[in-house]
Amino acid sequence: MRKPAKILSKAIWIAIMSIVSLLFAYPFLYSILGSLMLKEDFGNMGTLLPMPEVVTLKNYAYVFSVDGGIAPLLNSLQRAAWYTFITVTMSVLCGYVLARYEFRGKKFFIISIIAAQVVPSVLTLIPSYILVSRIPFMGGNNWMGQGGHGLINNKLMLYLPLGWGSLLWVFLFTQSMKSFPRAIEEAAEIDGCGFWRMMFRILLPLQGPIVAVIAINTALGNWNDWLTPFLYINNVADSTLTAWLATLTSNLQQFGDKDYPKVFAMATMAVIPPFLIFLFFQKYIIQGIASAGIKG
């Protein structure tokens, strides 16, 4: 009697999970199908799931056109790559120092990193905006940061680190390094291995999972960050794909020309890179978080 009951419970569980999966996949499927439709056909449609009578790719052609979304798309890729590089570099170097060296103020620095994660990012929006607008010698500002607009509406704003989120990765790499045997580093030094060679040839390959976690999450976070470019940059060509999508969506709610298929095409392109990254690198996320468990 146990075996049929076990099979029945497993079948029920699979059915429930299948329904939940379909619910989560529904918006993405709706976006894909809607992006393949003409604006006129979508406006006259009232079904739960859009089925295009005439399949068109002109919405995706607009995303990749010079007058469309190719510039914001490239800006998103460059911004994600830049922040991934500097975050991984800072996390590895600072985390190594915190894990291997003793110096005055070390405990205070670690406590400050943890305390910074408690501060909601929304509280830093206004101070950050004032800071960016008052940068000296930028945007017409004098040496006192007055007279101009700083980096507001400047493409360089996309690459200016403002958030506290990267400090979390410093802490996680520090915890991961505490479980890394010192004997490996000592053996490398005895064999004549310098610091940078030891970092690139020994430490980083062995600490690959946590480095992958830092890189993947940083890339995803900056790719999906629409608020920062939305606040600081008004020119679409200097903005990112997600910020441009947010601007266009807000305009659709205000004005009459509601070209939803074009919005769905941009939304689909914005979702595909994070989806592929998570699909192929999810195992590294699990391994990295496990290797960074809190240790004494």
C-alpha atoms as a PDB file:
ATOM      1  CA  MET A   1       0.000   0.000   0.000  1.00  0.00           C
ATOM      2  CA  ARG A   2       2.916   2.319   0.577  1.00  0.00           C
ATOM      3  CA  LYS A   3       4.136   2.245  -3.004  1.00  0.00           C
ATOM      4  CA  PRO A   4       0.840   3.400  -4.648  1.00  0.00           C
ATOM      5  CA  ALA A   5       0.493   6.112  -2.005  1.00  0.00           C
ATOM      6  CA  LYS A   6       4.033   7.253  -2.647  1.00  0.00           C
ATOM      7  CA  ILE A   7       3.449   7.339  -6.409  1.00  0.00           C
ATOM      8  CA  LEU A   8       0.201   9.282  -5.917  1.00  0.00           C
ATOM      9  CA  SER A   9       1.835  11.854  -3.654  1.00  0.00           C
ATOM     10  CA  LYS A  10       4.686  12.281  -6.117  1.00  0.00           C
ATOM     11  CA  ALA A  11       2.227  12.749  -8.998  1.00  0.00           C
ATOM     12  CA  ILE A  12       0.303  15.377  -7.034  1.00  0.00           C
ATOM     13  CA  TRP A  13       3.520  17.172  -6.196  1.00  0.00           C
ATOM     14  CA  ILE A  14       4.615  17.190  -9.863  1.00  0.00           C
ATOM     15  CA  ALA A  15       1.195  18.511 -10.920  1.00  0.00           C
ATOM     16  CA  ILE A  16       1.331  21.318  -8.364  1.00  0.00           C
ATOM     17  CA  MET A  17       4.867  22.294  -9.356  1.00  0.00           C
ATOM     18  CA  SER A  18       3.900  22.226 -13.041  1.00  0.00           C
ATOM     19  CA  ILE A  19       1.024  24.626 -12.397  1.00  0.00           C
ATOM     20  CA  VAL A  20       3.286  26.931 -10.385  1.00  0.00           C
ATOM     21  CA  SER A  21       5.906  26.826 -13.163  1.00  0.00           C
ATOM     22  CA  LEU A  22       3.297  27.747 -15.763  1.00  0.00           C
ATOM     23  CA  LEU A  23       2.151  30.673 -13.631  1.00  0.00           C
ATOM     24  CA  PHE A  24       5.703  31.977 -13.413  1.00  0.00           C
ATOM     25  CA  ALA A  25       6.341  31.392 -17.133  1.00  0.00           C
ATOM     26  CA  TYR A  26       3.082  33.021 -18.237  1.00  0.00           C
ATOM     27  CA  PRO A  27       4.298  36.670 -18.238  1.00  0.00           C
ATOM     28  CA  PHE A  28       7.421  35.740 -20.203  1.00  0.00           C
ATOM     29  CA  LEU A  29       5.403  33.716 -22.733  1.00  0.00           C
ATOM     30  CA  TYR A  30       2.882  36.562 -23.033  1.00  0.00           C
ATOM     31  CA  SER A  31       5.722  39.010 -23.687  1.00  0.00           C
ATOM     32  CA  ILE A  32       7.257  36.833 -26.410  1.00  0.00           C
ATOM     33  CA  LEU A  33       3.969  36.278 -28.231  1.00  0.00           C
ATOM     34  CA  GLY A  34       2.981  39.930 -27.888  1.00  0.00           C
ATOM     35  CA  SER A  35       6.312  41.077 -29.319  1.00  0.00           C
ATOM     36  CA  LEU A  36       5.622  39.117 -32.522  1.00  0.00           C
ATOM     37  CA  MET A  37       2.387  41.023 -33.224  1.00  0.00           C
ATOM     38  CA  LEU A  38       1.554  44.241 -35.006  1.00  0.00           C
ATOM     39  CA  LYS A  39       0.386  47.171 -32.910  1.00  0.00           C
ATOM     40  CA  GLU A  40      -3.008  47.176 -34.620  1.00  0.00           C
ATOM     41  CA  ASP A  41      -3.559  43.442 -34.058  1.00  0.00           C
ATOM     42  CA  PHE A  42      -2.625  43.648 -30.383  1.00  0.00           C
ATOM     43  CA  GLY A  43      -4.990  46.561 -29.814  1.00  0.00           C
ATOM     44  CA  ASN A  44      -7.917  44.550 -31.134  1.00  0.00           C
ATOM     45  CA  MET A  45      -7.095  41.424 -29.151  1.00  0.00           C
ATOM     46  CA  GLY A  46      -8.900  40.434 -25.987  1.00  0.00           C
ATOM     47  CA  THR A  47      -7.706  36.875 -25.331  1.00  0.00           C
ATOM     48  CA  LEU A  48      -5.812  35.641 -22.302  1.00  0.00           C
ATOM     49  CA  LEU A  49      -2.823  34.586 -24.406  1.00  0.00           C
ATOM     50  CA  PRO A  50      -1.950  36.583 -27.547  1.00  0.00           C
ATOM     51  CA  MET A  51      -1.668  34.460 -30.685  1.00  0.00           C
ATOM     52  CA  PRO A  52      -0.353  36.551 -33.585  1.00  0.00           C
ATOM     53  CA  GLU A  53      -2.202  36.110 -36.858  1.00  0.00           C
ATOM     54  CA  VAL A  54       0.710  37.691 -38.726  1.00  0.00           C
ATOM     55  CA  VAL A  55       4.133  37.056 -37.186  1.00  0.00           C
ATOM     56  CA  THR A  56       6.414  40.068 -37.497  1.00  0.00           C
ATOM     57  CA  LEU A  57       9.970  40.749 -36.338  1.00  0.00           C
ATOM     58  CA  LYS A  58       9.896  44.500 -36.900  1.00  0.00           C
ATOM     59  CA  ASN A  59       9.654  45.124 -33.157  1.00  0.00           C
ATOM     60  CA  TYR A  60      12.955  43.303 -32.613  1.00  0.00           C
ATOM     61  CA  ALA A  61      14.424  45.105 -35.617  1.00  0.00           C
ATOM     62  CA  TYR A  62      13.584  48.353 -33.841  1.00  0.00           C
ATOM     63  CA  VAL A  63      15.386  47.200 -30.700  1.00  0.00           C
ATOM     64  CA  PHE A  64      18.562  46.525 -32.692  1.00  0.00           C
ATOM     65  CA  SER A  65      18.284  49.607 -34.915  1.00  0.00           C
ATOM     66  CA  VAL A  66      20.486  52.698 -34.607  1.00  0.00           C
ATOM     67  CA  ASP A  67      17.461  54.886 -33.876  1.00  0.00           C
ATOM     68  CA  GLY A  68      16.079  52.305 -31.451  1.00  0.00           C
ATOM     69  CA  GLY A  69      17.647  50.317 -28.653  1.00  0.00           C
ATOM     70  CA  ILE A  70      21.106  49.324 -29.865  1.00  0.00           C
ATOM     71  CA  ALA A  71      22.815  52.158 -27.936  1.00  0.00           C
ATOM     72  CA  PRO A  72      21.002  51.433 -24.618  1.00  0.00           C
ATOM     73  CA  LEU A  73      21.665  47.715 -25.132  1.00  0.00           C
ATOM     74  CA  LEU A  74      25.412  48.299 -25.545  1.00  0.00           C
ATOM     75  CA  ASN A  75      25.384  50.658 -22.561  1.00  0.00           C
ATOM     76  CA  SER A  76      23.781  47.936 -20.438  1.00  0.00           C
ATOM     77  CA  LEU A  77      26.419  45.393 -21.491  1.00  0.00           C
ATOM     78  CA  GLN A  78      29.302  47.788 -20.868  1.00  0.00           C
ATOM     79  CA  ARG A  79      27.933  48.911 -17.514  1.00  0.00           C
ATOM     80  CA  ALA A  80      27.371  45.338 -16.300  1.00  0.00           C
ATOM     81  CA  ALA A  81      30.889  44.320 -17.416  1.00  0.00           C
ATOM     82  CA  TRP A  82      32.503  47.355 -15.749  1.00  0.00           C
ATOM     83  CA  TYR A  83      30.776  46.921 -12.401  1.00  0.00           C
ATOM     84  CA  THR A  84      31.446  43.185 -12.446  1.00  0.00           C
ATOM     85  CA  PHE A  85      35.166  43.800 -12.980  1.00  0.00           C
ATOM     86  CA  ILE A  86      35.602  46.419 -10.256  1.00  0.00           C
ATOM     87  CA  THR A  87      33.394  44.558  -7.763  1.00  0.00           C
ATOM     88  CA  VAL A  88      35.216  41.250  -8.219  1.00  0.00           C
ATOM     89  CA  THR A  89      38.597  42.995  -8.003  1.00  0.00           C
ATOM     90  CA  MET A  90      37.670  44.941  -4.870  1.00  0.00           C
ATOM     91  CA  SER A  91      36.050  41.924  -3.199  1.00  0.00           C
ATOM     92  CA  VAL A  92      39.031  39.648  -3.824  1.00  0.00           C
ATOM     93  CA  LEU A  93      41.728  42.116  -2.749  1.00  0.00           C
ATOM     94  CA  CYS A  94      39.888  43.594   0.257  1.00  0.00           C
ATOM     95  CA  GLY A  95      38.550  40.206   1.324  1.00  0.00           C
ATOM     96  CA  TYR A  96      42.035  38.683   1.188  1.00  0.00           C
ATOM     97  CA  VAL A  97      43.481  41.486   3.325  1.00  0.00           C
ATOM     98  CA  LEU A  98      40.689  41.193   5.907  1.00  0.00           C
ATOM     99  CA  ALA A  99      41.077  37.418   6.106  1.00  0.00           C
ATOM    100  CA  ARG A 100      44.869  37.175   6.204  1.00  0.00           C
ATOM    101  CA  TYR A 101      46.185  40.320   7.915  1.00  0.00           C
ATOM    102  CA  GLU A 102      45.697  41.870  11.331  1.00  0.00           C
ATOM    103  CA  PHE A 103      45.668  45.652  11.573  1.00  0.00           C
ATOM    104  CA  ARG A 104      44.231  48.384  13.733  1.00  0.00           C
ATOM    105  CA  GLY A 105      40.549  49.049  13.025  1.00  0.00           C
ATOM    106  CA  LYS A 106      39.927  45.729  11.291  1.00  0.00           C
ATOM    107  CA  LYS A 107      36.938  44.791  13.468  1.00  0.00           C
ATOM    108  CA  PHE A 108      35.435  48.247  13.069  1.00  0.00           C
ATOM    109  CA  PHE A 109      35.788  47.976   9.291  1.00  0.00           C
ATOM    110  CA  ILE A 110      34.041  44.584   9.219  1.00  0.00           C
ATOM    111  CA  ILE A 111      31.240  45.870  11.480  1.00  0.00           C
ATOM    112  CA  SER A 112      30.830  48.882   9.181  1.00  0.00           C
ATOM    113  CA  ILE A 113      30.445  46.571   6.180  1.00  0.00           C
ATOM    114  CA  ILE A 114      27.712  44.595   7.931  1.00  0.00           C
ATOM    115  CA  ALA A 115      25.991  47.754   9.211  1.00  0.00           C
ATOM    116  CA  ALA A 116      25.943  49.262   5.714  1.00  0.00           C
ATOM    117  CA  GLN A 117      23.749  46.407   4.523  1.00  0.00           C
ATOM    118  CA  VAL A 118      21.052  47.441   7.015  1.00  0.00           C
ATOM    119  CA  VAL A 119      20.637  50.889   5.434  1.00  0.00           C
ATOM    120  CA  PRO A 120      17.854  50.832   2.793  1.00  0.00           C
ATOM    121  CA  SER A 121      19.154  51.989  -0.578  1.00  0.00           C
ATOM    122  CA  VAL A 122      16.188  54.341  -1.002  1.00  0.00           C
ATOM    123  CA  LEU A 123      17.529  56.488   1.846  1.00  0.00           C
ATOM    124  CA  THR A 124      20.672  57.244  -0.174  1.00  0.00           C
ATOM    125  CA  LEU A 125      18.892  58.439  -3.334  1.00  0.00           C
ATOM    126  CA  ILE A 126      18.718  62.134  -2.446  1.00  0.00           C
ATOM    127  CA  PRO A 127      22.256  62.372  -0.964  1.00  0.00           C
ATOM    128  CA  SER A 128      23.615  60.494  -3.988  1.00  0.00           C
ATOM    129  CA  TYR A 129      21.807  62.805  -6.393  1.00  0.00           C
ATOM    130  CA  ILE A 130      23.212  65.881  -4.633  1.00  0.00           C
ATOM    131  CA  LEU A 131      26.692  64.331  -4.630  1.00  0.00           C
ATOM    132  CA  VAL A 132      26.562  63.612  -8.365  1.00  0.00           C
ATOM    133  CA  SER A 133      25.256  67.093  -9.186  1.00  0.00           C
ATOM    134  CA  ARG A 134      27.950  68.784  -7.053  1.00  0.00           C
ATOM    135  CA  ILE A 135      31.034  67.010  -8.435  1.00  0.00           C
ATOM    136  CA  PRO A 136      33.691  69.713  -9.003  1.00  0.00           C
ATOM    137  CA  PHE A 137      34.799  70.635 -12.536  1.00  0.00           C
ATOM    138  CA  MET A 138      32.075  68.521 -14.153  1.00  0.00           C
ATOM    139  CA  GLY A 139      29.023  69.789 -16.023  1.00  0.00           C
ATOM    140  CA  GLY A 140      29.970  73.446 -15.542  1.00  0.00           C
ATOM    141  CA  ASN A 141      30.681  73.194 -11.807  1.00  0.00           C
ATOM    142  CA  ASN A 142      33.478  75.179 -10.227  1.00  0.00           C
ATOM    143  CA  TRP A 143      35.936  73.799  -7.681  1.00  0.00           C
ATOM    144  CA  MET A 144      33.241  74.185  -5.013  1.00  0.00           C
ATOM    145  CA  GLY A 145      30.782  72.061  -7.015  1.00  0.00           C
ATOM    146  CA  GLN A 146      28.473  74.955  -7.839  1.00  0.00           C
ATOM    147  CA  GLY A 147      27.258  76.623 -11.001  1.00  0.00           C
ATOM    148  CA  GLY A 148      26.509  73.553 -13.107  1.00  0.00           C
ATOM    149  CA  HIS A 149      24.825  70.142 -13.040  1.00  0.00           C
ATOM    150  CA  GLY A 150      27.763  67.800 -12.408  1.00  0.00           C
ATOM    151  CA  LEU A 151      27.304  64.380 -13.953  1.00  0.00           C
ATOM    152  CA  ILE A 152      23.541  64.681 -14.327  1.00  0.00           C
ATOM    153  CA  ASN A 153      22.633  63.652 -17.904  1.00  0.00           C
ATOM    154  CA  ASN A 154      26.233  62.519 -18.419  1.00  0.00           C
ATOM    155  CA  LYS A 155      27.007  59.031 -19.699  1.00  0.00           C
ATOM    156  CA  LEU A 156      29.866  58.737 -17.197  1.00  0.00           C
ATOM    157  CA  MET A 157      27.209  58.470 -14.495  1.00  0.00           C
ATOM    158  CA  LEU A 158      26.600  54.878 -15.604  1.00  0.00           C
ATOM    159  CA  TYR A 159      30.068  53.889 -14.381  1.00  0.00           C
ATOM    160  CA  LEU A 160      30.219  55.823 -11.119  1.00  0.00           C
ATOM    161  CA  PRO A 161      30.041  53.480  -8.077  1.00  0.00           C
ATOM    162  CA  LEU A 162      27.524  54.801  -5.564  1.00  0.00           C
ATOM    163  CA  GLY A 163      25.905  51.828  -3.821  1.00  0.00           C
ATOM    164  CA  TRP A 164      26.830  49.900  -0.706  1.00  0.00           C
ATOM    165  CA  GLY A 165      25.895  46.542  -2.169  1.00  0.00           C
ATOM    166  CA  SER A 166      29.425  45.670  -3.286  1.00  0.00           C
ATOM    167  CA  LEU A 167      30.606  45.699   0.342  1.00  0.00           C
ATOM    168  CA  LEU A 168      28.552  42.561   0.957  1.00  0.00           C
ATOM    169  CA  TRP A 169      30.752  40.644  -1.485  1.00  0.00           C
ATOM    170  CA  VAL A 170      33.862  41.787   0.386  1.00  0.00           C
ATOM    171  CA  PHE A 171      32.437  40.242   3.534  1.00  0.00           C
ATOM    172  CA  LEU A 172      31.468  36.988   1.788  1.00  0.00           C
ATOM    173  CA  PHE A 173      34.900  36.593   0.198  1.00  0.00           C
ATOM    174  CA  THR A 174      36.477  37.254   3.592  1.00  0.00           C
ATOM    175  CA  GLN A 175      34.431  34.442   5.119  1.00  0.00           C
ATOM    176  CA  SER A 176      35.322  32.135   2.249  1.00  0.00           C
ATOM    177  CA  MET A 177      39.044  32.879   2.703  1.00  0.00           C
ATOM    178  CA  LYS A 178      38.867  31.896   6.377  1.00  0.00           C
ATOM    179  CA  SER A 179      38.247  28.305   5.311  1.00  0.00           C
ATOM    180  CA  PHE A 180      41.071  28.381   2.739  1.00  0.00           C
ATOM    181  CA  PRO A 181      44.180  26.557   4.082  1.00  0.00           C
ATOM    182  CA  ARG A 182      47.133  28.849   4.712  1.00  0.00           C
ATOM    183  CA  ALA A 183      49.446  25.920   3.977  1.00  0.00           C
ATOM    184  CA  ILE A 184      48.705  26.232   0.259  1.00  0.00           C
ATOM    185  CA  GLU A 185      49.840  29.867   0.216  1.00  0.00           C
ATOM    186  CA  GLU A 186      52.912  29.074   2.326  1.00  0.00           C
ATOM    187  CA  ALA A 187      53.886  26.237  -0.018  1.00  0.00           C
ATOM    188  CA  ALA A 188      53.541  28.576  -2.993  1.00  0.00           C
ATOM    189  CA  GLU A 189      55.777  31.171  -1.291  1.00  0.00           C
ATOM    190  CA  ILE A 190      58.411  28.527  -0.522  1.00  0.00           C
ATOM    191  CA  ASP A 191      58.436  27.554  -4.196  1.00  0.00           C
ATOM    192  CA  GLY A 192      59.126  31.184  -5.100  1.00  0.00           C
ATOM    193  CA  CYS A 193      55.621  32.162  -6.146  1.00  0.00           C
ATOM    194  CA  GLY A 194      54.994  35.899  -5.868  1.00  0.00           C
ATOM    195  CA  PHE A 195      51.819  37.482  -4.539  1.00  0.00           C
ATOM    196  CA  TRP A 196      50.125  38.224  -7.868  1.00  0.00           C
ATOM    197  CA  ARG A 197      51.097  34.886  -9.378  1.00  0.00           C
ATOM    198  CA  MET A 198      49.751  33.126  -6.302  1.00  0.00           C
ATOM    199  CA  MET A 199      46.499  35.099  -6.598  1.00  0.00           C
ATOM    200  CA  PHE A 200      45.907  34.326 -10.280  1.00  0.00           C
ATOM    201  CA  ARG A 201      47.363  30.809 -10.512  1.00  0.00           C
ATOM    202  CA  ILE A 202      46.337  29.321  -7.157  1.00  0.00           C
ATOM    203  CA  LEU A 203      43.893  31.372  -5.108  1.00  0.00           C
ATOM    204  CA  LEU A 204      41.373  32.451  -7.748  1.00  0.00           C
ATOM    205  CA  PRO A 205      41.025  28.993  -9.382  1.00  0.00           C
ATOM    206  CA  LEU A 206      40.484  27.333  -5.994  1.00  0.00           C
ATOM    207  CA  GLN A 207      38.075  30.083  -4.920  1.00  0.00           C
ATOM    208  CA  GLY A 208      36.242  29.907  -8.229  1.00  0.00           C
ATOM    209  CA  PRO A 209      32.734  29.247  -6.819  1.00  0.00           C
ATOM    210  CA  ILE A 210      32.581  32.352  -4.602  1.00  0.00           C
ATOM    211  CA  VAL A 211      34.195  34.503  -7.329  1.00  0.00           C
ATOM    212  CA  ALA A 212      31.549  33.216  -9.746  1.00  0.00           C
ATOM    213  CA  VAL A 213      28.812  34.123  -7.261  1.00  0.00           C
ATOM    214  CA  ILE A 214      30.152  37.665  -6.954  1.00  0.00           C
ATOM    215  CA  ALA A 215      30.496  38.089 -10.719  1.00  0.00           C
ATOM    216  CA  ILE A 216      27.093  36.602 -11.582  1.00  0.00           C
ATOM    217  CA  ASN A 217      25.117  38.517  -8.967  1.00  0.00           C
ATOM    218  CA  THR A 218      26.895  41.787  -9.730  1.00  0.00           C
ATOM    219  CA  ALA A 219      26.250  41.400 -13.453  1.00  0.00           C
ATOM    220  CA  LEU A 220      22.591  40.547 -12.882  1.00  0.00           C
ATOM    221  CA  GLY A 221      22.081  43.355 -10.393  1.00  0.00           C
ATOM    222  CA  ASN A 222      23.546  46.007 -12.669  1.00  0.00           C
ATOM    223  CA  TRP A 223      21.792  44.675 -15.749  1.00  0.00           C
ATOM    224  CA  ASN A 224      18.419  44.856 -13.985  1.00  0.00           C
ATOM    225  CA  ASP A 225      19.151  48.230 -12.358  1.00  0.00           C
ATOM    226  CA  TRP A 226      16.776  50.635 -14.084  1.00  0.00           C
ATOM    227  CA  LEU A 227      16.385  53.186 -11.277  1.00  0.00           C
ATOM    228  CA  THR A 228      19.886  54.687 -11.322  1.00  0.00           C
ATOM    229  CA  PRO A 229      20.005  55.526 -15.069  1.00  0.00           C
ATOM    230  CA  PHE A 230      16.314  56.494 -14.930  1.00  0.00           C
ATOM    231  CA  LEU A 231      17.030  59.146 -12.279  1.00  0.00           C
ATOM    232  CA  TYR A 232      20.264  60.594 -13.598  1.00  0.00           C
ATOM    233  CA  ILE A 233      20.007  60.396 -17.409  1.00  0.00           C
ATOM    234  CA  ASN A 234      17.244  61.753 -19.639  1.00  0.00           C
ATOM    235  CA  ASN A 235      18.821  61.054 -23.025  1.00  0.00           C
ATOM    236  CA  VAL A 236      17.764  57.603 -24.261  1.00  0.00           C
ATOM    237  CA  ALA A 237      20.969  57.073 -26.252  1.00  0.00           C
ATOM    238  CA  ASP A 238      23.050  57.516 -23.067  1.00  0.00           C
ATOM    239  CA  SER A 239      20.810  55.370 -20.878  1.00  0.00           C
ATOM    240  CA  THR A 240      20.486  51.595 -20.427  1.00  0.00           C
ATOM    241  CA  LEU A 241      17.982  49.177 -21.892  1.00  0.00           C
ATOM    242  CA  THR A 242      16.054  48.664 -18.659  1.00  0.00           C
ATOM    243  CA  ALA A 243      15.923  52.405 -17.901  1.00  0.00           C
ATOM    244  CA  TRP A 244      14.759  53.115 -21.447  1.00  0.00           C
ATOM    245  CA  LEU A 245      12.096  50.456 -21.035  1.00  0.00           C
ATOM    246  CA  ALA A 246      10.944  52.085 -17.787  1.00  0.00           C
ATOM    247  CA  THR A 247      10.789  55.483 -19.490  1.00  0.00           C
ATOM    248  CA  LEU A 248       8.838  54.137 -22.438  1.00  0.00           C
ATOM    249  CA  THR A 249       6.432  52.270 -20.164  1.00  0.00           C
ATOM    250  CA  SER A 250       5.723  55.409 -18.137  1.00  0.00           C
ATOM    251  CA  ASN A 251       5.146  57.348 -21.364  1.00  0.00           C
ATOM    252  CA  LEU A 252       2.664  54.725 -22.543  1.00  0.00           C
ATOM    253  CA  GLN A 253       0.587  55.377 -19.458  1.00  0.00           C
ATOM    254  CA  GLN A 254       0.503  59.119 -20.165  1.00  0.00           C
ATOM    255  CA  PHE A 255       0.190  59.411 -23.928  1.00  0.00           C
ATOM    256  CA  GLY A 256      -2.105  57.824 -26.480  1.00  0.00           C
ATOM    257  CA  ASP A 257       0.300  55.960 -28.796  1.00  0.00           C
ATOM    258  CA  LYS A 258       0.402  52.642 -26.953  1.00  0.00           C
ATOM    259  CA  ASP A 259       2.743  50.442 -28.972  1.00  0.00           C
ATOM    260  CA  TYR A 260       2.777  47.513 -26.555  1.00  0.00           C
ATOM    261  CA  PRO A 261       4.355  44.971 -28.959  1.00  0.00           C
ATOM    262  CA  LYS A 262       7.431  47.206 -29.141  1.00  0.00           C
ATOM    263  CA  VAL A 263       7.577  47.319 -25.334  1.00  0.00           C
ATOM    264  CA  PHE A 264       7.224  43.530 -25.181  1.00  0.00           C
ATOM    265  CA  ALA A 265      10.133  43.137 -27.615  1.00  0.00           C
ATOM    266  CA  MET A 266      12.367  45.312 -25.425  1.00  0.00           C
ATOM    267  CA  ALA A 267      11.204  43.514 -22.285  1.00  0.00           C
ATOM    268  CA  THR A 268      12.011  40.148 -23.867  1.00  0.00           C
ATOM    269  CA  MET A 269      15.510  41.300 -24.801  1.00  0.00           C
ATOM    270  CA  ALA A 270      16.015  42.627 -21.279  1.00  0.00           C
ATOM    271  CA  VAL A 271      15.007  39.293 -19.726  1.00  0.00           C
ATOM    272  CA  ILE A 272      16.982  36.928 -21.972  1.00  0.00           C
ATOM    273  CA  PRO A 273      20.548  37.691 -20.681  1.00  0.00           C
ATOM    274  CA  PRO A 274      19.701  37.217 -16.964  1.00  0.00           C
ATOM    275  CA  PHE A 275      17.723  34.098 -17.824  1.00  0.00           C
ATOM    276  CA  LEU A 276      20.658  32.554 -19.715  1.00  0.00           C
ATOM    277  CA  ILE A 277      23.150  33.521 -17.008  1.00  0.00           C
ATOM    278  CA  PHE A 278      21.072  31.913 -14.278  1.00  0.00           C
ATOM    279  CA  LEU A 279      20.321  28.858 -16.422  1.00  0.00           C
ATOM    280  CA  PHE A 280      23.961  28.008 -17.130  1.00  0.00           C
ATOM    281  CA  PHE A 281      25.637  29.246 -13.936  1.00  0.00           C
ATOM    282  CA  GLN A 282      23.141  28.408 -11.200  1.00  0.00           C
ATOM    283  CA  LYS A 283      25.327  25.588  -9.854  1.00  0.00           C
ATOM    284  CA  TYR A 284      28.133  28.072  -9.157  1.00  0.00           C
ATOM    285  CA  ILE A 285      25.745  30.226  -7.147  1.00  0.00           C
ATOM    286  CA  ILE A 286      24.895  27.305  -4.859  1.00  0.00           C
ATOM    287  CA  GLN A 287      28.540  26.206  -4.523  1.00  0.00           C
ATOM    288  CA  GLY A 288      29.741  29.742  -3.830  1.00  0.00           C
ATOM    289  CA  ILE A 289      27.171  30.490  -1.144  1.00  0.00           C
ATOM    290  CA  ALA A 290      27.973  27.144   0.510  1.00  0.00           C
ATOM    291  CA  SER A 291      31.716  27.895   0.481  1.00  0.00           C
ATOM    292  CA  ALA A 292      31.098  31.310   2.060  1.00  0.00           C
ATOM    293  CA  GLY A 293      29.270  29.963   5.093  1.00  0.00           C
ATOM    294  CA  ILE A 294      29.845  31.946   8.277  1.00  0.00           C
ATOM    295  CA  LYS A 295      32.929  30.519   9.985  1.00  0.00           C
ATOM    296  CA  GLY A 296      34.765  31.490  13.103  1.00  0.00           C
END
